[in-house]
Amino acid sequence: MTENIDAKDAQERLYELIDRVEKGEIFYITENQKIIAKLQGATNSRPKFGELEPSFVDIDTDLVDEPDEELNRAFYNTQD
């Protein structure tokens, strides 16, 4: 269950909200009817090996290993 709750009300009921979050509820804390924070339970589990997508998908890795000669000349102030 998700519920919006005013920041002042959340402050007064913090321990109650924590108990409810531990049971799986999520709260959006609002101020002037704008969401300013999300209160939800923390996950203690780490992803298992192979669960995450590699971050280098669709990157041409052939370009990664090749030095950029123009950049090297500019950085090291060398001349050919």
C-alpha atoms as a PDB file:
ATOM      1  CA  MET A   1       0.000   0.000   0.000  1.00  0.00           C
ATOM      2  CA  THR A   2       1.257   3.486  -0.865  1.00  0.00           C
ATOM      3  CA  GLU A   3       0.152   6.574   0.996  1.00  0.00           C
ATOM      4  CA  ASN A   4       0.940  10.289   0.896  1.00  0.00           C
ATOM      5  CA  ILE A   5       1.540  11.872   4.283  1.00  0.00           C
ATOM      6  CA  ASP A   6       2.319  15.457   5.269  1.00  0.00           C
ATOM      7  CA  ALA A   7       5.842  16.018   6.624  1.00  0.00           C
ATOM      8  CA  LYS A   8       4.631  17.335   9.983  1.00  0.00           C
ATOM      9  CA  ASP A   9       2.258  14.412  10.381  1.00  0.00           C
ATOM     10  CA  ALA A  10       5.041  12.000   9.416  1.00  0.00           C
ATOM     11  CA  GLN A  11       7.320  13.543  12.022  1.00  0.00           C
ATOM     12  CA  GLU A  12       4.707  13.047  14.743  1.00  0.00           C
ATOM     13  CA  ARG A  13       3.974   9.464  13.661  1.00  0.00           C
ATOM     14  CA  LEU A  14       7.504   8.369  12.690  1.00  0.00           C
ATOM     15  CA  TYR A  15       7.646   5.232  14.853  1.00  0.00           C
ATOM     16  CA  GLU A  16       4.248   4.081  13.591  1.00  0.00           C
ATOM     17  CA  LEU A  17       5.341   4.668   9.999  1.00  0.00           C
ATOM     18  CA  ILE A  18       8.552   2.712  10.563  1.00  0.00           C
ATOM     19  CA  ASP A  19       6.544  -0.242  11.861  1.00  0.00           C
ATOM     20  CA  ARG A  20       4.302  -0.089   8.794  1.00  0.00           C
ATOM     21  CA  VAL A  21       7.281   0.243   6.424  1.00  0.00           C
ATOM     22  CA  GLU A  22       8.762  -2.914   7.932  1.00  0.00           C
ATOM     23  CA  LYS A  23       5.554  -4.663   6.851  1.00  0.00           C
ATOM     24  CA  GLY A  24       6.034  -3.522   3.261  1.00  0.00           C
ATOM     25  CA  GLU A  25       4.148  -0.239   3.034  1.00  0.00           C
ATOM     26  CA  ILE A  26       5.546   2.772   1.189  1.00  0.00           C
ATOM     27  CA  PHE A  27       4.934   6.405   2.090  1.00  0.00           C
ATOM     28  CA  TYR A  28       5.493   9.587   0.104  1.00  0.00           C
ATOM     29  CA  ILE A  29       6.235  12.502   2.418  1.00  0.00           C
ATOM     30  CA  THR A  30       4.732  15.748   1.146  1.00  0.00           C
ATOM     31  CA  GLU A  31       5.152  19.419   1.910  1.00  0.00           C
ATOM     32  CA  ASN A  32       2.748  21.948   0.389  1.00  0.00           C
ATOM     33  CA  GLN A  33       1.208  19.036  -1.545  1.00  0.00           C
ATOM     34  CA  LYS A  34       4.530  18.283  -3.296  1.00  0.00           C
ATOM     35  CA  ILE A  35       6.346  14.993  -2.772  1.00  0.00           C
ATOM     36  CA  ILE A  36       9.689  15.642  -1.080  1.00  0.00           C
ATOM     37  CA  ALA A  37      10.703  12.161   0.078  1.00  0.00           C
ATOM     38  CA  LYS A  38       9.898   8.471  -0.188  1.00  0.00           C
ATOM     39  CA  LEU A  39       9.890   6.247   2.889  1.00  0.00           C
ATOM     40  CA  GLN A  40      10.288   2.549   2.193  1.00  0.00           C
ATOM     41  CA  GLY A  41      12.032  -0.431   3.647  1.00  0.00           C
ATOM     42  CA  ALA A  42      15.703  -1.012   2.986  1.00  0.00           C
ATOM     43  CA  THR A  43      16.843  -4.076   1.123  1.00  0.00           C
ATOM     44  CA  ASN A  44      19.601  -5.994   2.817  1.00  0.00           C
ATOM     45  CA  SER A  45      20.240  -8.374  -0.007  1.00  0.00           C
ATOM     46  CA  ARG A  46      22.928  -7.845  -2.591  1.00  0.00           C
ATOM     47  CA  PRO A  47      22.375  -8.887  -6.189  1.00  0.00           C
ATOM     48  CA  LYS A  48      23.628 -12.348  -6.987  1.00  0.00           C
ATOM     49  CA  PHE A  49      26.299 -12.874  -9.604  1.00  0.00           C
ATOM     50  CA  GLY A  50      24.794 -12.491 -13.070  1.00  0.00           C
ATOM     51  CA  GLU A  51      21.603 -10.687 -11.954  1.00  0.00           C
ATOM     52  CA  LEU A  52      22.698  -7.253 -13.157  1.00  0.00           C
ATOM     53  CA  GLU A  53      23.006  -6.275 -16.775  1.00  0.00           C
ATOM     54  CA  PRO A  54      26.536  -5.367 -17.810  1.00  0.00           C
ATOM     55  CA  SER A  55      26.970  -1.616 -18.054  1.00  0.00           C
ATOM     56  CA  PHE A  56      29.026  -1.824 -21.229  1.00  0.00           C
ATOM     57  CA  VAL A  57      26.331  -3.374 -23.424  1.00  0.00           C
ATOM     58  CA  ASP A  58      26.211  -1.827 -26.907  1.00  0.00           C
ATOM     59  CA  ILE A  59      29.576  -0.088 -26.507  1.00  0.00           C
ATOM     60  CA  ASP A  60      32.180  -0.753 -29.150  1.00  0.00           C
ATOM     61  CA  THR A  61      34.955  -2.110 -26.941  1.00  0.00           C
ATOM     62  CA  ASP A  62      37.428  -2.079 -29.854  1.00  0.00           C
ATOM     63  CA  LEU A  63      37.676   1.689 -29.410  1.00  0.00           C
ATOM     64  CA  VAL A  64      38.431   1.454 -25.708  1.00  0.00           C
ATOM     65  CA  ASP A  65      41.812  -0.249 -26.132  1.00  0.00           C
ATOM     66  CA  GLU A  66      43.111   2.056 -28.862  1.00  0.00           C
ATOM     67  CA  PRO A  67      44.870   5.218 -27.680  1.00  0.00           C
ATOM     68  CA  ASP A  68      43.714   8.534 -29.068  1.00  0.00           C
ATOM     69  CA  GLU A  69      46.897   9.950 -30.589  1.00  0.00           C
ATOM     70  CA  GLU A  70      45.525  13.490 -30.934  1.00  0.00           C
ATOM     71  CA  LEU A  71      44.499  13.529 -27.283  1.00  0.00           C
ATOM     72  CA  ASN A  72      47.881  12.145 -26.208  1.00  0.00           C
ATOM     73  CA  ARG A  73      49.732  14.848 -28.175  1.00  0.00           C
ATOM     74  CA  ALA A  74      47.614  17.587 -26.618  1.00  0.00           C
ATOM     75  CA  PHE A  75      47.967  16.178 -23.104  1.00  0.00           C
ATOM     76  CA  TYR A  76      51.701  15.484 -23.199  1.00  0.00           C
ATOM     77  CA  ASN A  77      52.580  18.434 -25.486  1.00  0.00           C
ATOM     78  CA  THR A  78      54.450  16.179 -27.864  1.00  0.00           C
ATOM     79  CA  GLN A  79      55.048  16.764 -31.535  1.00  0.00           C
ATOM     80  CA  ASP A  80      55.366  14.180 -34.282  1.00  0.00           C
END
